[in-house]
Amino acid sequence: MVVPLMVLFQTMMRCDELCGLKRADIDLDHNIIYTKRHLNYLNRQVQVKLPKNNELREIMMTDFIKQFLSNYLENKDLKDSDFLFFVSGKNFLLPTILNYDYRKIVKTIKQERNIVLPTSLHAIRHFVISQLIASGVPLEVVSQMAGHSSVNITSKIYTHIKIYTQKQAMNALNSFVKNASLDVKQK
C-alpha cells in the first residue's frame, strides 16, 4: 500500500483518481501522470467514470515519485489497459480499501510513536495544497495542480491560508521597515 499512498501525498490526486489510474496513464519519459478516470464502488458495483469536473489533467511527477513508480512498475507485469494499483484477488483498488489501510497505518503510528496524523487521505490532500499556498506557489498553479474547476474554488476553500500568508508578509514588511528605520537613525 506504500506506493499508492506516496503517489497521493506528492500529487494531490483524489483517491478515486488514483484508483482509476491505468498503466498507460504513467509517462515516465515525460514525468507525467494523466488522470482520465476515477474508480468508485457504489450499489455493490465498481464504477469507472470521468474524473471530477469531467476534466482530464496532467500531473507532473517529482523525481522521487518517478523513481518510486519506475521501481514499482519493474516488479509488475502490467498491460497498458491494466489498473496500476490492485489488491490480491482483484484487478483494481477501491478508494474505500485505500482509506481503510491508511487509517490502520495512522493508528499504528499513533500507538507506536505517539505521532498524530490526519485521519483521512482527503485531509492529506488539503494539507499538501495548504502547504503549497503557504509557500507562495501562485494560487492559479495550485488550483490547476489540485484539479479544481476554477481558481475561485481554491480561493474559497483556502482563504485561511491566504490570510495567514498575508500576516507573514506584513510581519516581514514590519521587520524590513523597522530595520530600515534603524539604519537611517544610525547614519
N, C-alpha and C. Protein backbone atom coordinates (compact mmCIF):
# COMPACT_ATOMS: atom_id res chain seq x y z
N MET A 1 0.82 -1.20 0.00
CA MET A 1 0.00 0.00 0.00
C MET A 1 0.86 1.27 0.00
N VAL A 2 2.15 1.12 0.17
CA VAL A 2 3.04 2.28 0.27
C VAL A 2 3.07 3.09 -1.03
N VAL A 3 3.16 2.43 -2.16
CA VAL A 3 3.30 3.16 -3.43
C VAL A 3 2.08 4.04 -3.70
N PRO A 4 0.85 3.51 -3.64
CA PRO A 4 -0.28 4.41 -3.89
C PRO A 4 -0.36 5.56 -2.91
N LEU A 5 -0.02 5.32 -1.65
CA LEU A 5 -0.06 6.40 -0.66
C LEU A 5 0.98 7.47 -0.98
N MET A 6 2.18 7.07 -1.35
CA MET A 6 3.21 8.05 -1.70
C MET A 6 2.81 8.86 -2.93
N VAL A 7 2.20 8.22 -3.89
CA VAL A 7 1.74 8.95 -5.09
C VAL A 7 0.68 9.98 -4.69
N LEU A 8 -0.25 9.58 -3.84
CA LEU A 8 -1.28 10.52 -3.37
C LEU A 8 -0.66 11.72 -2.66
N PHE A 9 0.27 11.46 -1.76
CA PHE A 9 0.87 12.52 -0.96
C PHE A 9 1.59 13.55 -1.83
N GLN A 10 2.18 13.10 -2.92
CA GLN A 10 3.02 14.00 -3.71
C GLN A 10 2.34 14.56 -4.96
N THR A 11 1.11 14.14 -5.24
CA THR A 11 0.48 14.61 -6.47
C THR A 11 -0.82 15.37 -6.23
N MET A 12 -1.37 15.32 -5.06
CA MET A 12 -2.66 15.93 -4.73
C MET A 12 -3.81 15.31 -5.49
N MET A 13 -3.63 14.10 -5.98
CA MET A 13 -4.73 13.40 -6.65
C MET A 13 -5.80 13.06 -5.65
N ARG A 14 -7.01 12.93 -6.13
CA ARG A 14 -8.09 12.42 -5.31
C ARG A 14 -7.96 10.88 -5.27
N CYS A 15 -8.44 10.26 -4.21
CA CYS A 15 -8.33 8.80 -4.07
C CYS A 15 -8.94 8.07 -5.26
N ASP A 16 -10.12 8.52 -5.68
CA ASP A 16 -10.78 7.81 -6.78
C ASP A 16 -10.05 7.99 -8.10
N GLU A 17 -9.32 9.11 -8.25
CA GLU A 17 -8.49 9.30 -9.45
C GLU A 17 -7.30 8.33 -9.43
N LEU A 18 -6.68 8.22 -8.26
CA LEU A 18 -5.54 7.31 -8.13
C LEU A 18 -5.97 5.87 -8.43
N CYS A 19 -7.11 5.47 -7.89
CA CYS A 19 -7.60 4.11 -8.11
C CYS A 19 -7.98 3.87 -9.57
N GLY A 20 -8.28 4.92 -10.29
CA GLY A 20 -8.63 4.80 -11.70
C GLY A 20 -7.45 4.81 -12.65
N LEU A 21 -6.24 4.99 -12.13
CA LEU A 21 -5.06 5.03 -13.00
C LEU A 21 -4.80 3.67 -13.64
N LYS A 22 -4.43 3.72 -14.90
CA LYS A 22 -4.01 2.51 -15.61
C LYS A 22 -2.55 2.66 -15.99
N ARG A 23 -1.93 1.57 -16.37
CA ARG A 23 -0.50 1.60 -16.73
C ARG A 23 -0.23 2.64 -17.80
N ALA A 24 -1.12 2.76 -18.78
CA ALA A 24 -0.92 3.70 -19.89
C ALA A 24 -0.96 5.16 -19.45
N ASP A 25 -1.46 5.44 -18.25
CA ASP A 25 -1.56 6.82 -17.76
C ASP A 25 -0.26 7.34 -17.16
N ILE A 26 0.73 6.48 -17.05
CA ILE A 26 2.02 6.86 -16.46
C ILE A 26 3.04 7.03 -17.58
N ASP A 27 3.51 8.25 -17.75
CA ASP A 27 4.50 8.56 -18.78
C ASP A 27 5.82 8.90 -18.09
N LEU A 28 6.64 7.89 -17.89
CA LEU A 28 7.92 8.08 -17.19
C LEU A 28 8.91 8.90 -18.02
N ASP A 29 8.78 8.87 -19.34
CA ASP A 29 9.69 9.63 -20.21
C ASP A 29 9.49 11.14 -20.06
N HIS A 30 8.25 11.56 -19.81
CA HIS A 30 7.94 12.98 -19.70
C HIS A 30 7.53 13.41 -18.29
N ASN A 31 7.65 12.49 -17.32
CA ASN A 31 7.33 12.77 -15.91
C ASN A 31 5.88 13.22 -15.71
N ILE A 32 4.95 12.58 -16.40
CA ILE A 32 3.55 13.00 -16.32
C ILE A 32 2.66 11.82 -15.96
N ILE A 33 1.69 12.10 -15.09
CA ILE A 33 0.61 11.17 -14.79
C ILE A 33 -0.66 11.79 -15.38
N TYR A 34 -1.39 11.03 -16.17
CA TYR A 34 -2.63 11.51 -16.77
C TYR A 34 -3.81 10.95 -15.97
N THR A 35 -4.67 11.84 -15.47
CA THR A 35 -5.88 11.36 -14.80
C THR A 35 -7.01 11.41 -15.82
N LYS A 36 -7.49 10.24 -16.19
CA LYS A 36 -8.51 10.13 -17.24
C LYS A 36 -9.82 9.55 -16.74
N ARG A 37 -9.80 9.01 -15.51
CA ARG A 37 -10.99 8.34 -15.00
C ARG A 37 -10.90 8.26 -13.48
N HIS A 38 -12.02 8.01 -12.86
CA HIS A 38 -11.98 7.67 -11.44
C HIS A 38 -12.75 6.38 -11.23
N LEU A 39 -12.38 5.70 -10.17
CA LEU A 39 -12.97 4.40 -9.88
C LEU A 39 -13.62 4.46 -8.50
N ASN A 40 -14.86 4.06 -8.43
CA ASN A 40 -15.60 4.06 -7.17
C ASN A 40 -16.40 2.78 -7.03
N TYR A 41 -16.94 2.59 -5.85
CA TYR A 41 -17.78 1.43 -5.56
C TYR A 41 -19.11 1.97 -5.06
N LEU A 42 -20.18 1.74 -5.83
CA LEU A 42 -21.48 2.26 -5.49
C LEU A 42 -22.53 1.19 -5.79
N ASN A 43 -23.44 0.99 -4.87
CA ASN A 43 -24.50 -0.01 -5.03
C ASN A 43 -23.93 -1.38 -5.37
N ARG A 44 -22.87 -1.73 -4.65
CA ARG A 44 -22.22 -3.04 -4.82
C ARG A 44 -21.64 -3.27 -6.21
N GLN A 45 -21.33 -2.18 -6.89
CA GLN A 45 -20.72 -2.29 -8.22
C GLN A 45 -19.54 -1.34 -8.34
N VAL A 46 -18.50 -1.82 -9.02
CA VAL A 46 -17.36 -0.97 -9.32
C VAL A 46 -17.76 -0.09 -10.50
N GLN A 47 -17.55 1.21 -10.34
CA GLN A 47 -17.91 2.16 -11.40
C GLN A 47 -16.67 2.92 -11.84
N VAL A 48 -16.48 3.00 -13.14
CA VAL A 48 -15.38 3.76 -13.72
C VAL A 48 -16.01 4.91 -14.49
N LYS A 49 -15.65 6.13 -14.12
CA LYS A 49 -16.24 7.32 -14.74
C LYS A 49 -15.16 8.33 -15.06
N LEU A 50 -15.56 9.40 -15.75
CA LEU A 50 -14.64 10.51 -15.98
C LEU A 50 -14.30 11.15 -14.65
N PRO A 51 -13.13 11.79 -14.55
CA PRO A 51 -12.76 12.45 -13.30
C PRO A 51 -13.74 13.57 -12.93
N LYS A 52 -13.65 14.02 -11.69
CA LYS A 52 -14.46 15.14 -11.22
C LYS A 52 -14.30 16.31 -12.19
N ASN A 53 -15.35 17.02 -12.43
CA ASN A 53 -15.39 18.15 -13.37
C ASN A 53 -15.21 17.69 -14.82
N ASN A 54 -15.28 16.37 -15.05
CA ASN A 54 -15.09 15.80 -16.40
C ASN A 54 -13.82 16.31 -17.05
N GLU A 55 -12.83 16.60 -16.24
CA GLU A 55 -11.61 17.21 -16.75
C GLU A 55 -10.44 16.25 -16.67
N LEU A 56 -9.88 15.96 -17.82
CA LEU A 56 -8.66 15.17 -17.85
C LEU A 56 -7.53 16.12 -17.51
N ARG A 57 -6.57 15.66 -16.73
CA ARG A 57 -5.46 16.56 -16.41
C ARG A 57 -4.14 15.83 -16.40
N GLU A 58 -3.11 16.63 -16.51
CA GLU A 58 -1.74 16.12 -16.48
C GLU A 58 -1.11 16.55 -15.17
N ILE A 59 -0.53 15.61 -14.48
CA ILE A 59 0.13 15.90 -13.20
C ILE A 59 1.61 15.60 -13.36
N MET A 60 2.42 16.59 -13.09
CA MET A 60 3.87 16.40 -13.17
C MET A 60 4.32 15.56 -11.97
N MET A 61 5.25 14.67 -12.24
CA MET A 61 5.81 13.83 -11.18
C MET A 61 7.07 14.46 -10.61
N THR A 62 7.22 14.36 -9.31
CA THR A 62 8.50 14.73 -8.72
C THR A 62 9.50 13.64 -9.09
N ASP A 63 10.78 13.93 -8.96
CA ASP A 63 11.80 12.91 -9.24
C ASP A 63 11.61 11.70 -8.32
N PHE A 64 11.23 11.97 -7.09
CA PHE A 64 11.02 10.91 -6.11
C PHE A 64 9.91 9.97 -6.57
N ILE A 65 8.77 10.52 -6.98
CA ILE A 65 7.64 9.69 -7.42
C ILE A 65 7.97 8.97 -8.71
N LYS A 66 8.68 9.64 -9.60
CA LYS A 66 9.08 8.97 -10.85
C LYS A 66 9.90 7.72 -10.52
N GLN A 67 10.86 7.85 -9.64
CA GLN A 67 11.70 6.71 -9.26
C GLN A 67 10.88 5.63 -8.55
N PHE A 68 10.02 6.08 -7.66
CA PHE A 68 9.16 5.18 -6.91
C PHE A 68 8.29 4.36 -7.87
N LEU A 69 7.64 5.04 -8.82
CA LEU A 69 6.78 4.35 -9.79
C LEU A 69 7.58 3.47 -10.74
N SER A 70 8.74 3.95 -11.12
CA SER A 70 9.60 3.17 -12.01
C SER A 70 9.97 1.84 -11.35
N ASN A 71 10.37 1.90 -10.09
CA ASN A 71 10.69 0.68 -9.34
C ASN A 71 9.47 -0.22 -9.20
N TYR A 72 8.34 0.38 -8.91
CA TYR A 72 7.09 -0.37 -8.77
C TYR A 72 6.74 -1.10 -10.07
N LEU A 73 6.85 -0.39 -11.19
CA LEU A 73 6.47 -0.97 -12.48
C LEU A 73 7.44 -2.06 -12.94
N GLU A 74 8.70 -1.96 -12.52
CA GLU A 74 9.67 -3.00 -12.87
C GLU A 74 9.26 -4.36 -12.31
N ASN A 75 8.58 -4.33 -11.17
CA ASN A 75 8.20 -5.57 -10.50
C ASN A 75 6.79 -6.04 -10.85
N LYS A 76 6.14 -5.35 -11.78
CA LYS A 76 4.77 -5.72 -12.17
C LYS A 76 4.75 -6.02 -13.66
N ASP A 77 3.93 -6.96 -14.02
CA ASP A 77 3.74 -7.29 -15.43
C ASP A 77 2.38 -6.75 -15.85
N LEU A 78 2.33 -5.45 -16.12
CA LEU A 78 1.05 -4.79 -16.42
C LEU A 78 0.93 -4.45 -17.90
N LYS A 79 -0.25 -4.69 -18.43
CA LYS A 79 -0.58 -4.20 -19.77
C LYS A 79 -1.03 -2.76 -19.63
N ASP A 80 -1.00 -2.00 -20.73
CA ASP A 80 -1.43 -0.61 -20.69
C ASP A 80 -2.87 -0.46 -20.18
N SER A 81 -3.71 -1.46 -20.43
CA SER A 81 -5.11 -1.38 -20.03
C SER A 81 -5.35 -1.82 -18.58
N ASP A 82 -4.32 -2.32 -17.90
CA ASP A 82 -4.46 -2.78 -16.52
C ASP A 82 -4.47 -1.59 -15.55
N PHE A 83 -5.27 -1.72 -14.49
CA PHE A 83 -5.22 -0.71 -13.43
C PHE A 83 -3.84 -0.78 -12.78
N LEU A 84 -3.33 0.38 -12.42
CA LEU A 84 -1.99 0.48 -11.88
C LEU A 84 -1.89 -0.16 -10.49
N PHE A 85 -2.90 0.06 -9.66
CA PHE A 85 -2.89 -0.45 -8.30
C PHE A 85 -4.04 -1.42 -8.11
N PHE A 86 -3.77 -2.50 -7.39
CA PHE A 86 -4.80 -3.52 -7.17
C PHE A 86 -4.49 -4.27 -5.90
N VAL A 87 -5.49 -4.98 -5.43
CA VAL A 87 -5.31 -5.81 -4.24
C VAL A 87 -5.40 -7.27 -4.66
N SER A 88 -4.91 -8.11 -3.82
CA SER A 88 -4.88 -9.55 -4.10
C SER A 88 -6.27 -10.06 -4.46
N GLY A 89 -6.35 -10.78 -5.54
CA GLY A 89 -7.61 -11.37 -5.97
C GLY A 89 -8.48 -10.45 -6.80
N LYS A 90 -8.09 -9.21 -6.95
CA LYS A 90 -8.86 -8.23 -7.75
C LYS A 90 -7.90 -7.57 -8.73
N ASN A 91 -8.46 -7.00 -9.77
CA ASN A 91 -7.60 -6.28 -10.72
C ASN A 91 -7.72 -4.77 -10.54
N PHE A 92 -8.15 -4.35 -9.34
CA PHE A 92 -8.30 -2.93 -9.05
C PHE A 92 -8.15 -2.69 -7.55
N LEU A 93 -8.06 -1.42 -7.20
CA LEU A 93 -8.00 -0.99 -5.81
C LEU A 93 -9.11 0.04 -5.61
N LEU A 94 -9.94 -0.16 -4.62
CA LEU A 94 -11.03 0.77 -4.35
C LEU A 94 -10.59 1.85 -3.36
N PRO A 95 -11.10 3.07 -3.50
CA PRO A 95 -10.78 4.14 -2.55
C PRO A 95 -11.10 3.75 -1.10
N THR A 96 -12.17 3.01 -0.89
CA THR A 96 -12.53 2.61 0.48
C THR A 96 -11.46 1.71 1.09
N ILE A 97 -10.88 0.83 0.30
CA ILE A 97 -9.81 -0.05 0.78
C ILE A 97 -8.55 0.77 1.08
N LEU A 98 -8.23 1.70 0.19
CA LEU A 98 -7.06 2.55 0.39
C LEU A 98 -7.21 3.38 1.66
N ASN A 99 -8.38 3.97 1.87
CA ASN A 99 -8.63 4.75 3.08
C ASN A 99 -8.58 3.88 4.33
N TYR A 100 -9.14 2.68 4.26
CA TYR A 100 -9.12 1.75 5.39
C TYR A 100 -7.68 1.41 5.76
N ASP A 101 -6.87 1.07 4.76
CA ASP A 101 -5.47 0.73 5.02
C ASP A 101 -4.70 1.93 5.58
N TYR A 102 -5.00 3.12 5.05
CA TYR A 102 -4.33 4.32 5.56
C TYR A 102 -4.68 4.54 7.04
N ARG A 103 -5.96 4.38 7.39
CA ARG A 103 -6.37 4.56 8.79
C ARG A 103 -5.67 3.55 9.71
N LYS A 104 -5.48 2.33 9.24
CA LYS A 104 -4.76 1.33 10.04
C LYS A 104 -3.31 1.78 10.26
N ILE A 105 -2.68 2.32 9.22
CA ILE A 105 -1.31 2.81 9.34
C ILE A 105 -1.24 3.96 10.33
N VAL A 106 -2.19 4.90 10.23
CA VAL A 106 -2.24 6.05 11.15
C VAL A 106 -2.40 5.58 12.59
N LYS A 107 -3.27 4.61 12.80
CA LYS A 107 -3.50 4.08 14.16
C LYS A 107 -2.22 3.45 14.71
N THR A 108 -1.54 2.68 13.88
CA THR A 108 -0.29 2.03 14.30
C THR A 108 0.78 3.07 14.65
N ILE A 109 0.91 4.08 13.81
CA ILE A 109 1.91 5.13 14.07
C ILE A 109 1.60 5.87 15.36
N LYS A 110 0.32 6.13 15.58
CA LYS A 110 -0.07 6.83 16.82
C LYS A 110 0.25 5.97 18.04
N GLN A 111 -0.04 4.67 17.97
CA GLN A 111 0.20 3.77 19.10
C GLN A 111 1.70 3.57 19.35
N GLU A 112 2.46 3.38 18.28
CA GLU A 112 3.87 3.05 18.43
C GLU A 112 4.77 4.26 18.65
N ARG A 113 4.42 5.37 18.03
CA ARG A 113 5.31 6.54 18.09
C ARG A 113 4.66 7.78 18.67
N ASN A 114 3.40 7.68 19.02
CA ASN A 114 2.64 8.80 19.58
C ASN A 114 2.66 10.02 18.64
N ILE A 115 2.58 9.76 17.36
CA ILE A 115 2.50 10.81 16.34
C ILE A 115 1.09 10.84 15.80
N VAL A 116 0.48 12.01 15.80
CA VAL A 116 -0.89 12.14 15.29
C VAL A 116 -0.83 12.65 13.86
N LEU A 117 -1.48 11.92 12.97
CA LEU A 117 -1.55 12.28 11.56
C LEU A 117 -3.00 12.52 11.17
N PRO A 118 -3.22 13.24 10.07
CA PRO A 118 -4.60 13.38 9.59
C PRO A 118 -5.23 12.00 9.39
N THR A 119 -6.50 11.89 9.73
CA THR A 119 -7.15 10.58 9.73
C THR A 119 -7.75 10.18 8.39
N SER A 120 -7.72 11.08 7.41
CA SER A 120 -8.25 10.70 6.10
C SER A 120 -7.27 11.13 5.00
N LEU A 121 -7.35 10.44 3.90
CA LEU A 121 -6.48 10.79 2.77
C LEU A 121 -6.88 12.14 2.19
N HIS A 122 -8.15 12.48 2.28
CA HIS A 122 -8.56 13.78 1.77
C HIS A 122 -7.96 14.91 2.61
N ALA A 123 -7.80 14.66 3.89
CA ALA A 123 -7.16 15.66 4.76
C ALA A 123 -5.70 15.85 4.37
N ILE A 124 -5.04 14.78 3.94
CA ILE A 124 -3.66 14.89 3.45
C ILE A 124 -3.62 15.79 2.21
N ARG A 125 -4.58 15.59 1.32
CA ARG A 125 -4.68 16.43 0.11
C ARG A 125 -4.79 17.90 0.50
N HIS A 126 -5.67 18.19 1.46
CA HIS A 126 -5.82 19.58 1.92
C HIS A 126 -4.53 20.11 2.54
N PHE A 127 -3.85 19.27 3.29
CA PHE A 127 -2.59 19.67 3.90
C PHE A 127 -1.57 20.06 2.83
N VAL A 128 -1.42 19.22 1.80
CA VAL A 128 -0.43 19.49 0.75
C VAL A 128 -0.78 20.78 0.01
N ILE A 129 -2.05 20.94 -0.33
CA ILE A 129 -2.49 22.16 -1.03
C ILE A 129 -2.21 23.38 -0.15
N SER A 130 -2.53 23.28 1.12
CA SER A 130 -2.29 24.40 2.06
C SER A 130 -0.81 24.75 2.14
N GLN A 131 0.04 23.74 2.18
CA GLN A 131 1.48 23.98 2.25
C GLN A 131 2.00 24.68 1.00
N LEU A 132 1.50 24.29 -0.15
CA LEU A 132 1.92 24.95 -1.39
C LEU A 132 1.52 26.42 -1.40
N ILE A 133 0.30 26.70 -0.98
CA ILE A 133 -0.17 28.09 -0.94
C ILE A 133 0.64 28.89 0.07
N ALA A 134 0.85 28.32 1.26
CA ALA A 134 1.62 29.00 2.30
C ALA A 134 3.07 29.23 1.87
N SER A 135 3.57 28.38 0.98
CA SER A 135 4.95 28.52 0.50
C SER A 135 5.08 29.54 -0.62
N GLY A 136 3.94 30.10 -1.04
CA GLY A 136 3.99 31.15 -2.05
C GLY A 136 3.77 30.69 -3.48
N VAL A 137 3.40 29.43 -3.68
CA VAL A 137 3.09 28.97 -5.04
C VAL A 137 1.84 29.71 -5.49
N PRO A 138 1.84 30.30 -6.67
CA PRO A 138 0.67 31.06 -7.13
C PRO A 138 -0.62 30.22 -7.07
N LEU A 139 -1.69 30.86 -6.64
CA LEU A 139 -2.97 30.19 -6.47
C LEU A 139 -3.43 29.52 -7.76
N GLU A 140 -3.17 30.13 -8.91
CA GLU A 140 -3.57 29.57 -10.20
C GLU A 140 -2.88 28.23 -10.44
N VAL A 141 -1.61 28.15 -10.06
CA VAL A 141 -0.84 26.92 -10.25
C VAL A 141 -1.36 25.83 -9.32
N VAL A 142 -1.58 26.18 -8.05
CA VAL A 142 -2.08 25.22 -7.08
C VAL A 142 -3.46 24.72 -7.50
N SER A 143 -4.31 25.61 -7.96
CA SER A 143 -5.65 25.25 -8.39
C SER A 143 -5.60 24.24 -9.53
N GLN A 144 -4.74 24.50 -10.49
CA GLN A 144 -4.59 23.58 -11.63
C GLN A 144 -4.06 22.24 -11.17
N MET A 145 -3.05 22.25 -10.30
CA MET A 145 -2.48 21.01 -9.80
C MET A 145 -3.50 20.18 -9.02
N ALA A 146 -4.36 20.88 -8.27
CA ALA A 146 -5.36 20.20 -7.45
C ALA A 146 -6.55 19.70 -8.27
N GLY A 147 -6.65 20.16 -9.50
CA GLY A 147 -7.76 19.73 -10.35
C GLY A 147 -9.05 20.44 -10.04
N HIS A 148 -8.96 21.62 -9.44
CA HIS A 148 -10.17 22.40 -9.19
C HIS A 148 -10.66 23.00 -10.51
N SER A 149 -11.97 23.16 -10.64
CA SER A 149 -12.53 23.66 -11.89
C SER A 149 -12.26 25.14 -12.10
N SER A 150 -11.95 25.86 -11.01
CA SER A 150 -11.60 27.27 -11.14
C SER A 150 -10.74 27.72 -9.96
N VAL A 151 -10.04 28.80 -10.17
CA VAL A 151 -9.23 29.38 -9.09
C VAL A 151 -10.12 29.85 -7.95
N ASN A 152 -11.35 30.26 -8.29
CA ASN A 152 -12.28 30.72 -7.25
C ASN A 152 -12.56 29.64 -6.22
N ILE A 153 -12.66 28.40 -6.66
CA ILE A 153 -12.91 27.30 -5.72
C ILE A 153 -11.72 27.16 -4.77
N THR A 154 -10.53 27.17 -5.32
CA THR A 154 -9.33 27.07 -4.50
C THR A 154 -9.27 28.24 -3.52
N SER A 155 -9.56 29.42 -4.01
CA SER A 155 -9.52 30.62 -3.19
C SER A 155 -10.52 30.54 -2.03
N LYS A 156 -11.74 30.08 -2.32
CA LYS A 156 -12.76 29.99 -1.26
C LYS A 156 -12.39 28.95 -0.21
N ILE A 157 -11.90 27.82 -0.65
CA ILE A 157 -11.58 26.73 0.29
C ILE A 157 -10.38 27.09 1.16
N TYR A 158 -9.41 27.79 0.59
CA TYR A 158 -8.15 28.03 1.29
C TYR A 158 -7.93 29.50 1.66
N THR A 159 -9.01 30.23 1.90
CA THR A 159 -8.91 31.64 2.29
C THR A 159 -8.08 31.81 3.56
N HIS A 160 -8.23 30.88 4.51
CA HIS A 160 -7.49 30.98 5.77
C HIS A 160 -5.98 30.96 5.53
N ILE A 161 -5.53 30.26 4.51
CA ILE A 161 -4.10 30.21 4.19
C ILE A 161 -3.66 31.56 3.65
N LYS A 162 -4.48 32.17 2.80
CA LYS A 162 -4.13 33.47 2.24
C LYS A 162 -4.02 34.52 3.35
N ILE A 163 -4.93 34.45 4.33
CA ILE A 163 -4.87 35.40 5.45
C ILE A 163 -3.59 35.18 6.24
N TYR A 164 -3.24 33.92 6.48
CA TYR A 164 -2.03 33.60 7.21
C TYR A 164 -0.80 34.10 6.46
N THR A 165 -0.74 33.88 5.15
CA THR A 165 0.42 34.34 4.39
C THR A 165 0.47 35.85 4.30
N GLN A 166 -0.70 36.50 4.32
CA GLN A 166 -0.70 37.96 4.36
C GLN A 166 -0.13 38.46 5.68
N LYS A 167 -0.45 37.76 6.77
CA LYS A 167 0.11 38.14 8.07
C LYS A 167 1.63 37.95 8.06
N GLN A 168 2.08 36.85 7.44
CA GLN A 168 3.53 36.63 7.34
C GLN A 168 4.18 37.76 6.53
N ALA A 169 3.53 38.15 5.45
CA ALA A 169 4.06 39.22 4.61
C ALA A 169 4.13 40.53 5.40
N MET A 170 3.10 40.82 6.18
CA MET A 170 3.10 42.05 6.98
C MET A 170 4.20 42.01 8.04
N ASN A 171 4.41 40.85 8.66
CA ASN A 171 5.49 40.71 9.64
C ASN A 171 6.84 40.94 8.98
N ALA A 172 7.03 40.40 7.79
CA ALA A 172 8.29 40.60 7.06
C ALA A 172 8.46 42.07 6.71
N LEU A 173 7.37 42.71 6.27
CA LEU A 173 7.43 44.13 5.92
C LEU A 173 7.72 44.97 7.16
N ASN A 174 7.07 44.64 8.27
CA ASN A 174 7.35 45.36 9.53
C ASN A 174 8.81 45.24 9.92
N SER A 175 9.37 44.05 9.82
CA SER A 175 10.78 43.84 10.14
C SER A 175 11.67 44.66 9.21
N PHE A 176 11.33 44.66 7.94
CA PHE A 176 12.11 45.41 6.96
C PHE A 176 12.08 46.91 7.29
N VAL A 177 10.88 47.42 7.55
CA VAL A 177 10.73 48.86 7.85
C VAL A 177 11.47 49.20 9.14
N LYS A 178 11.34 48.34 10.15
CA LYS A 178 12.00 48.57 11.43
C LYS A 178 13.52 48.60 11.24
N ASN A 179 14.06 47.63 10.48
CA ASN A 179 15.50 47.58 10.25
C ASN A 179 15.95 48.76 9.39
N ALA A 180 15.13 49.14 8.42
CA ALA A 180 15.49 50.28 7.56
C ALA A 180 15.50 51.57 8.36
N SER A 181 14.53 51.73 9.27
CA SER A 181 14.50 52.96 10.08
C SER A 181 15.67 52.98 11.05
N LEU A 182 16.11 51.83 11.56
CA LEU A 182 17.29 51.80 12.43
C LEU A 182 18.53 52.21 11.65
N ASP A 183 18.62 51.75 10.38
CA ASP A 183 19.76 52.12 9.54
C ASP A 183 19.79 53.62 9.31
N VAL A 184 18.62 54.22 9.08
CA VAL A 184 18.54 55.66 8.84
C VAL A 184 18.94 56.43 10.09
N LYS A 185 18.48 55.99 11.27
CA LYS A 185 18.80 56.66 12.52
C LYS A 185 20.29 56.58 12.84
N GLN A 186 20.94 55.46 12.46
CA GLN A 186 22.34 55.28 12.77
C GLN A 186 23.22 56.14 11.90
N LYS A 187 22.73 56.60 10.76
CA LYS A 187 23.56 57.41 9.85
C LYS A 187 23.57 58.80 10.24
